[in-house]
Amino acid sequence: MKKYIALGTLAALLLALLLWGLPLGWRKFNAFVFGTGHNVLVSRVTSPNGGRDVVIFIRDCGATTRAMTSVSVLKHGEPVEDRDAGNIFRLDDVAGSNSPPIVKAEWDEDGRLLISYDKNYVVKYANNNGAYVPVFFRHLPSP
């Protein structure tokens, strides 16, 4: 009997969550369940064949975290969603810095992607074959 009450309570809770999430819209419900963050687009460069874009954006998830510069490869024209954390590269901001790290992205004529970044920042994630695009990384030259 207690087993059925527990299952009924769980089912009611899940139904309430679902019904609460639908009026809010999927994006708000998703943000509530999986966390929030806000992305600000820095640059977008289209690949030579026009099929993909590399986007550089600053991801900020609030006061308890540092801003992070991220890079994603997306289908051409696809927007950067707030839940996108960067599928190619993430570079952590340094505590106390007044500006985000410099990251540059460029395509070569063969559709390979070159990501250049400031070596004084911490690489949190680097995927050299993200989104089925060959990716190469290098440090920016010192000024």
Foldseek 3Di string as FASTA:
>chain_A
DVVVVVVVVVVVVVVVLVVVCVVVPVVVSCCVVPHFKAKDWDDWDAFPVRFKIKTWIWIGRDDVAFIKIEIAIDTHPDDDDRVDPHQAWIWTADPPDPDRWDWDWDADNVQAIEIETAPVIDTPDHDQQTPNHGYHYDYDDDD
